[in-house]
Amino acid sequence: MTKLGEYFKTKSVNKAEISRKTGISKNRLSELSTKESAKIRGEEIYLIALAIDVAPTEILDVTCGDLKLRP
């Protein structure tokens, strides 16, 4: 499970509802939730955030918060 998948789980997110509200397919949401190789696009972050009523930065923090600059 990806970081986004874990986030969805803790928030009790209904992927079918997000799909309906955003136009992002259920298959794509499933891919983003389970495949580590799946890359989320900025538009998807923004639409998902709108659908679940959180700031897009919250999703960015969850999915990319472990990234660090090179020394």
PDB file of N, CA and C in Angstrom:
ATOM      1  N   MET A   1       0.854  -1.178   0.000  1.00  0.00           N
ATOM      2  CA  MET A   1       0.000   0.000   0.000  1.00  0.00           C
ATOM      3  C   MET A   1       0.899   1.240   0.000  1.00  0.00           C
ATOM      4  N   THR A   2       0.501   2.250  -0.759  1.00  0.00           N
ATOM      5  CA  THR A   2       1.276   3.484  -0.855  1.00  0.00           C
ATOM      6  C   THR A   2       0.937   4.414   0.313  1.00  0.00           C
ATOM      7  N   LYS A   3       1.687   5.485   0.412  1.00  0.00           N
ATOM      8  CA  LYS A   3       1.410   6.488   1.440  1.00  0.00           C
ATOM      9  C   LYS A   3       0.021   7.087   1.236  1.00  0.00           C
ATOM     10  N   LEU A   4      -0.359   7.295  -0.017  1.00  0.00           N
ATOM     11  CA  LEU A   4      -1.696   7.822  -0.297  1.00  0.00           C
ATOM     12  C   LEU A   4      -2.757   6.800   0.108  1.00  0.00           C
ATOM     13  N   GLY A   5      -2.500   5.535  -0.155  1.00  0.00           N
ATOM     14  CA  GLY A   5      -3.423   4.478   0.252  1.00  0.00           C
ATOM     15  C   GLY A   5      -3.604   4.437   1.761  1.00  0.00           C
ATOM     16  N   GLU A   6      -2.505   4.569   2.485  1.00  0.00           N
ATOM     17  CA  GLU A   6      -2.574   4.613   3.953  1.00  0.00           C
ATOM     18  C   GLU A   6      -3.354   5.839   4.417  1.00  0.00           C
ATOM     19  N   TYR A   7      -3.134   6.962   3.754  1.00  0.00           N
ATOM     20  CA  TYR A   7      -3.856   8.195   4.085  1.00  0.00           C
ATOM     21  C   TYR A   7      -5.353   8.007   3.879  1.00  0.00           C
ATOM     22  N   PHE A   8      -5.728   7.427   2.743  1.00  0.00           N
ATOM     23  CA  PHE A   8      -7.137   7.150   2.470  1.00  0.00           C
ATOM     24  C   PHE A   8      -7.728   6.267   3.567  1.00  0.00           C
ATOM     25  N   LYS A   9      -6.958   5.279   3.992  1.00  0.00           N
ATOM     26  CA  LYS A   9      -7.429   4.345   5.013  1.00  0.00           C
ATOM     27  C   LYS A   9      -7.663   5.062   6.348  1.00  0.00           C
ATOM     28  N   THR A  10      -6.731   5.913   6.750  1.00  0.00           N
ATOM     29  CA  THR A  10      -6.886   6.613   8.034  1.00  0.00           C
ATOM     30  C   THR A  10      -8.020   7.630   7.993  1.00  0.00           C
ATOM     31  N   LYS A  11      -8.274   8.170   6.811  1.00  0.00           N
ATOM     32  CA  LYS A  11      -9.352   9.153   6.662  1.00  0.00           C
ATOM     33  C   LYS A  11     -10.696   8.501   6.348  1.00  0.00           C
ATOM     34  N   SER A  12     -10.714   7.182   6.209  1.00  0.00           N
ATOM     35  CA  SER A  12     -11.922   6.440   5.812  1.00  0.00           C
ATOM     36  C   SER A  12     -12.522   7.024   4.536  1.00  0.00           C
ATOM     37  N   VAL A  13     -11.668   7.199   3.556  1.00  0.00           N
ATOM     38  CA  VAL A  13     -12.062   7.796   2.279  1.00  0.00           C
ATOM     39  C   VAL A  13     -12.784   6.771   1.412  1.00  0.00           C
ATOM     40  N   ASN A  14     -13.866   7.209   0.794  1.00  0.00           N
ATOM     41  CA  ASN A  14     -14.614   6.386  -0.140  1.00  0.00           C
ATOM     42  C   ASN A  14     -14.129   6.714  -1.551  1.00  0.00           C
ATOM     43  N   LYS A  15     -13.366   5.786  -2.135  1.00  0.00           N
ATOM     44  CA  LYS A  15     -12.778   6.042  -3.455  1.00  0.00           C
ATOM     45  C   LYS A  15     -13.838   6.202  -4.543  1.00  0.00           C
ATOM     46  N   ALA A  16     -14.946   5.507  -4.416  1.00  0.00           N
ATOM     47  CA  ALA A  16     -16.026   5.645  -5.404  1.00  0.00           C
ATOM     48  C   ALA A  16     -16.585   7.065  -5.376  1.00  0.00           C
ATOM     49  N   GLU A  17     -16.707   7.622  -4.193  1.00  0.00           N
ATOM     50  CA  GLU A  17     -17.197   8.997  -4.047  1.00  0.00           C
ATOM     51  C   GLU A  17     -16.192   9.993  -4.620  1.00  0.00           C
ATOM     52  N   ILE A  18     -14.911   9.780  -4.349  1.00  0.00           N
ATOM     53  CA  ILE A  18     -13.881  10.659  -4.913  1.00  0.00           C
ATOM     54  C   ILE A  18     -13.914  10.573  -6.429  1.00  0.00           C
ATOM     55  N   SER A  19     -14.044   9.382  -6.946  1.00  0.00           N
ATOM     56  CA  SER A  19     -14.102   9.195  -8.394  1.00  0.00           C
ATOM     57  C   SER A  19     -15.282   9.958  -8.995  1.00  0.00           C
ATOM     58  N   ARG A  20     -16.421   9.841  -8.360  1.00  0.00           N
ATOM     59  CA  ARG A  20     -17.618  10.524  -8.856  1.00  0.00           C
ATOM     60  C   ARG A  20     -17.436  12.043  -8.845  1.00  0.00           C
ATOM     61  N   LYS A  21     -16.855  12.562  -7.777  1.00  0.00           N
ATOM     62  CA  LYS A  21     -16.688  14.010  -7.632  1.00  0.00           C
ATOM     63  C   LYS A  21     -15.591  14.578  -8.525  1.00  0.00           C
ATOM     64  N   THR A  22     -14.540  13.796  -8.762  1.00  0.00           N
ATOM     65  CA  THR A  22     -13.364  14.333  -9.456  1.00  0.00           C
ATOM     66  C   THR A  22     -13.236  13.941 -10.920  1.00  0.00           C
ATOM     67  N   GLY A  23     -13.854  12.827 -11.282  1.00  0.00           N
ATOM     68  CA  GLY A  23     -13.663  12.317 -12.640  1.00  0.00           C
ATOM     69  C   GLY A  23     -12.430  11.429 -12.760  1.00  0.00           C
ATOM     70  N   ILE A  24     -11.692  11.247 -11.660  1.00  0.00           N
ATOM     71  CA  ILE A  24     -10.556  10.322 -11.653  1.00  0.00           C
ATOM     72  C   ILE A  24     -11.137   8.915 -11.523  1.00  0.00           C
ATOM     73  N   SER A  25     -10.759   8.042 -12.424  1.00  0.00           N
ATOM     74  CA  SER A  25     -11.360   6.709 -12.423  1.00  0.00           C
ATOM     75  C   SER A  25     -11.036   5.944 -11.140  1.00  0.00           C
ATOM     76  N   LYS A  26     -11.909   5.009 -10.801  1.00  0.00           N
ATOM     77  CA  LYS A  26     -11.690   4.161  -9.631  1.00  0.00           C
ATOM     78  C   LYS A  26     -10.416   3.336  -9.806  1.00  0.00           C
ATOM     79  N   ASN A  27     -10.161   2.918 -11.041  1.00  0.00           N
ATOM     80  CA  ASN A  27      -8.942   2.155 -11.318  1.00  0.00           C
ATOM     81  C   ASN A  27      -7.696   2.984 -11.037  1.00  0.00           C
ATOM     82  N   ARG A  28      -7.730   4.259 -11.448  1.00  0.00           N
ATOM     83  CA  ARG A  28      -6.588   5.139 -11.217  1.00  0.00           C
ATOM     84  C   ARG A  28      -6.397   5.380  -9.712  1.00  0.00           C
ATOM     85  N   LEU A  29      -7.480   5.596  -8.983  1.00  0.00           N
ATOM     86  CA  LEU A  29      -7.381   5.790  -7.537  1.00  0.00           C
ATOM     87  C   LEU A  29      -6.830   4.537  -6.867  1.00  0.00           C
ATOM     88  N   SER A  30      -7.240   3.381  -7.354  1.00  0.00           N
ATOM     89  CA  SER A  30      -6.740   2.116  -6.823  1.00  0.00           C
ATOM     90  C   SER A  30      -5.243   1.981  -7.100  1.00  0.00           C
ATOM     91  N   GLU A  31      -4.850   2.343  -8.299  1.00  0.00           N
ATOM     92  CA  GLU A  31      -3.437   2.299  -8.681  1.00  0.00           C
ATOM     93  C   GLU A  31      -2.612   3.227  -7.782  1.00  0.00           C
ATOM     94  N   LEU A  32      -3.103   4.431  -7.558  1.00  0.00           N
ATOM     95  CA  LEU A  32      -2.395   5.392  -6.709  1.00  0.00           C
ATOM     96  C   LEU A  32      -2.315   4.908  -5.260  1.00  0.00           C
ATOM     97  N   SER A  33      -3.278   4.090  -4.859  1.00  0.00           N
ATOM     98  CA  SER A  33      -3.327   3.591  -3.482  1.00  0.00           C
ATOM     99  C   SER A  33      -2.477   2.353  -3.254  1.00  0.00           C
ATOM    100  N   THR A  34      -2.179   1.610  -4.323  1.00  0.00           N
ATOM    101  CA  THR A  34      -1.515   0.325  -4.133  1.00  0.00           C
ATOM    102  C   THR A  34      -0.163   0.179  -4.828  1.00  0.00           C
ATOM    103  N   LYS A  35       0.052   0.864  -5.930  1.00  0.00           N
ATOM    104  CA  LYS A  35       1.289   0.687  -6.698  1.00  0.00           C
ATOM    105  C   LYS A  35       2.317   1.755  -6.339  1.00  0.00           C
ATOM    106  N   GLU A  36       3.425   1.316  -5.772  1.00  0.00           N
ATOM    107  CA  GLU A  36       4.491   2.252  -5.403  1.00  0.00           C
ATOM    108  C   GLU A  36       5.045   2.984  -6.626  1.00  0.00           C
ATOM    109  N   SER A  37       4.965   2.370  -7.784  1.00  0.00           N
ATOM    110  CA  SER A  37       5.511   2.983  -8.994  1.00  0.00           C
ATOM    111  C   SER A  37       4.578   4.034  -9.600  1.00  0.00           C
ATOM    112  N   ALA A  38       3.349   4.112  -9.129  1.00  0.00           N
ATOM    113  CA  ALA A  38       2.390   5.084  -9.662  1.00  0.00           C
ATOM    114  C   ALA A  38       2.769   6.486  -9.202  1.00  0.00           C
ATOM    115  N   LYS A  39       2.757   7.418 -10.126  1.00  0.00           N
ATOM    116  CA  LYS A  39       3.090   8.811  -9.823  1.00  0.00           C
ATOM    117  C   LYS A  39       1.816   9.643  -9.865  1.00  0.00           C
ATOM    118  N   ILE A  40       1.575  10.367  -8.792  1.00  0.00           N
ATOM    119  CA  ILE A  40       0.378  11.202  -8.725  1.00  0.00           C
ATOM    120  C   ILE A  40       0.677  12.561  -9.369  1.00  0.00           C
ATOM    121  N   ARG A  41      -0.272  13.058 -10.128  1.00  0.00           N
ATOM    122  CA  ARG A  41      -0.120  14.351 -10.802  1.00  0.00           C
ATOM    123  C   ARG A  41      -0.695  15.462  -9.925  1.00  0.00           C
ATOM    124  N   GLY A  42      -0.214  16.659 -10.153  1.00  0.00           N
ATOM    125  CA  GLY A  42      -0.672  17.817  -9.398  1.00  0.00           C
ATOM    126  C   GLY A  42      -2.174  18.009  -9.477  1.00  0.00           C
ATOM    127  N   GLU A  43      -2.732  17.806 -10.660  1.00  0.00           N
ATOM    128  CA  GLU A  43      -4.178  17.973 -10.835  1.00  0.00           C
ATOM    129  C   GLU A  43      -4.945  16.967  -9.985  1.00  0.00           C
ATOM    130  N   GLU A  44      -4.408  15.760  -9.890  1.00  0.00           N
ATOM    131  CA  GLU A  44      -5.065  14.727  -9.087  1.00  0.00           C
ATOM    132  C   GLU A  44      -5.009  15.082  -7.600  1.00  0.00           C
ATOM    133  N   ILE A  45      -3.873  15.566  -7.148  1.00  0.00           N
ATOM    134  CA  ILE A  45      -3.757  15.996  -5.742  1.00  0.00           C
ATOM    135  C   ILE A  45      -4.790  17.063  -5.444  1.00  0.00           C
ATOM    136  N   TYR A  46      -4.884  18.045  -6.319  1.00  0.00           N
ATOM    137  CA  TYR A  46      -5.801  19.162  -6.098  1.00  0.00           C
ATOM    138  C   TYR A  46      -7.255  18.689  -6.078  1.00  0.00           C
ATOM    139  N   LEU A  47      -7.638  17.871  -7.040  1.00  0.00           N
ATOM    140  CA  LEU A  47      -9.019  17.390  -7.114  1.00  0.00           C
ATOM    141  C   LEU A  47      -9.377  16.490  -5.934  1.00  0.00           C
ATOM    142  N   ILE A  48      -8.457  15.610  -5.541  1.00  0.00           N
ATOM    143  CA  ILE A  48      -8.712  14.735  -4.392  1.00  0.00           C
ATOM    144  C   ILE A  48      -8.887  15.582  -3.137  1.00  0.00           C
ATOM    145  N   ALA A  49      -8.029  16.572  -2.971  1.00  0.00           N
ATOM    146  CA  ALA A  49      -8.131  17.459  -1.804  1.00  0.00           C
ATOM    147  C   ALA A  49      -9.484  18.166  -1.767  1.00  0.00           C
ATOM    148  N   LEU A  50      -9.936  18.658  -2.900  1.00  0.00           N
ATOM    149  CA  LEU A  50     -11.251  19.299  -2.954  1.00  0.00           C
ATOM    150  C   LEU A  50     -12.352  18.313  -2.575  1.00  0.00           C
ATOM    151  N   ALA A  51     -12.235  17.099  -3.080  1.00  0.00           N
ATOM    152  CA  ALA A  51     -13.275  16.085  -2.854  1.00  0.00           C
ATOM    153  C   ALA A  51     -13.385  15.671  -1.395  1.00  0.00           C
ATOM    154  N   ILE A  52     -12.253  15.662  -0.672  1.00  0.00           N
ATOM    155  CA  ILE A  52     -12.305  15.227   0.729  1.00  0.00           C
ATOM    156  C   ILE A  52     -12.175  16.396   1.700  1.00  0.00           C
ATOM    157  N   ASP A  53     -12.213  17.598   1.146  1.00  0.00           N
ATOM    158  CA  ASP A  53     -12.242  18.830   1.936  1.00  0.00           C
ATOM    159  C   ASP A  53     -11.020  18.992   2.849  1.00  0.00           C
ATOM    160  N   VAL A  54      -9.847  18.836   2.232  1.00  0.00           N
ATOM    161  CA  VAL A  54      -8.587  19.119   2.929  1.00  0.00           C
ATOM    162  C   VAL A  54      -7.748  20.014   2.025  1.00  0.00           C
ATOM    163  N   ALA A  55      -6.730  20.626   2.592  1.00  0.00           N
ATOM    164  CA  ALA A  55      -5.812  21.440   1.796  1.00  0.00           C
ATOM    165  C   ALA A  55      -4.931  20.524   0.950  1.00  0.00           C
ATOM    166  N   PRO A  56      -4.665  20.911  -0.295  1.00  0.00           N
ATOM    167  CA  PRO A  56      -3.785  20.092  -1.133  1.00  0.00           C
ATOM    168  C   PRO A  56      -2.422  19.857  -0.490  1.00  0.00           C
ATOM    169  N   THR A  57      -1.965  20.797   0.320  1.00  0.00           N
ATOM    170  CA  THR A  57      -0.668  20.625   0.981  1.00  0.00           C
ATOM    171  C   THR A  57      -0.673  19.461   1.959  1.00  0.00           C
ATOM    172  N   GLU A  58      -1.830  19.135   2.506  1.00  0.00           N
ATOM    173  CA  GLU A  58      -1.911  17.982   3.409  1.00  0.00           C
ATOM    174  C   GLU A  58      -1.582  16.699   2.656  1.00  0.00           C
ATOM    175  N   ILE A  59      -2.111  16.570   1.458  1.00  0.00           N
ATOM    176  CA  ILE A  59      -1.834  15.380   0.653  1.00  0.00           C
ATOM    177  C   ILE A  59      -0.375  15.375   0.199  1.00  0.00           C
ATOM    178  N   LEU A  60       0.138  16.551  -0.148  1.00  0.00           N
ATOM    179  CA  LEU A  60       1.557  16.638  -0.519  1.00  0.00           C
ATOM    180  C   LEU A  60       2.453  16.244   0.642  1.00  0.00           C
ATOM    181  N   ASP A  61       2.128  16.710   1.839  1.00  0.00           N
ATOM    182  CA  ASP A  61       2.919  16.349   3.016  1.00  0.00           C
ATOM    183  C   ASP A  61       2.916  14.846   3.235  1.00  0.00           C
ATOM    184  N   VAL A  62       1.772  14.219   3.044  1.00  0.00           N
ATOM    185  CA  VAL A  62       1.660  12.772   3.243  1.00  0.00           C
ATOM    186  C   VAL A  62       2.442  12.010   2.179  1.00  0.00           C
ATOM    187  N   THR A  63       2.302  12.409   0.929  1.00  0.00           N
ATOM    188  CA  THR A  63       2.898  11.657  -0.164  1.00  0.00           C
ATOM    189  C   THR A  63       4.362  12.008  -0.425  1.00  0.00           C
ATOM    190  N   CYS A  64       4.766  13.217  -0.087  1.00  0.00           N
ATOM    191  CA  CYS A  64       6.123  13.663  -0.422  1.00  0.00           C
ATOM    192  C   CYS A  64       6.899  14.208   0.774  1.00  0.00           C
ATOM    193  N   GLY A  65       6.335  14.111   1.951  1.00  0.00           N
ATOM    194  CA  GLY A  65       6.946  14.717   3.136  1.00  0.00           C
ATOM    195  C   GLY A  65       8.292  14.164   3.530  1.00  0.00           C
ATOM    196  N   ASP A  66       8.636  12.988   3.036  1.00  0.00           N
ATOM    197  CA  ASP A  66       9.926  12.387   3.393  1.00  0.00           C
ATOM    198  C   ASP A  66      11.040  12.798   2.453  1.00  0.00           C
ATOM    199  N   LEU A  67      10.730  13.544   1.409  1.00  0.00           N
ATOM    200  CA  LEU A  67      11.761  13.974   0.466  1.00  0.00           C
ATOM    201  C   LEU A  67      12.648  15.037   1.093  1.00  0.00           C
ATOM    202  N   LYS A  68      13.915  14.958   0.815  1.00  0.00           N
ATOM    203  CA  LYS A  68      14.886  15.909   1.352  1.00  0.00           C
ATOM    204  C   LYS A  68      15.777  16.424   0.235  1.00  0.00           C
ATOM    205  N   LEU A  69      16.274  17.640   0.418  1.00  0.00           N
ATOM    206  CA  LEU A  69      17.225  18.207  -0.521  1.00  0.00           C
ATOM    207  C   LEU A  69      18.584  17.530  -0.328  1.00  0.00           C
ATOM    208  N   ARG A  70      19.358  17.497  -1.361  1.00  0.00           N
ATOM    209  CA  ARG A  70      20.697  16.955  -1.259  1.00  0.00           C
ATOM    210  C   ARG A  70      21.581  17.932  -0.478  1.00  0.00           C
ATOM    211  N   PRO A  71      22.515  17.389   0.284  1.00  0.00           N
ATOM    212  CA  PRO A  71      23.393  18.293   1.060  1.00  0.00           C
ATOM    213  C   PRO A  71      24.355  19.046   0.163  1.00  0.00           C
TER     214      PRO A  71
END
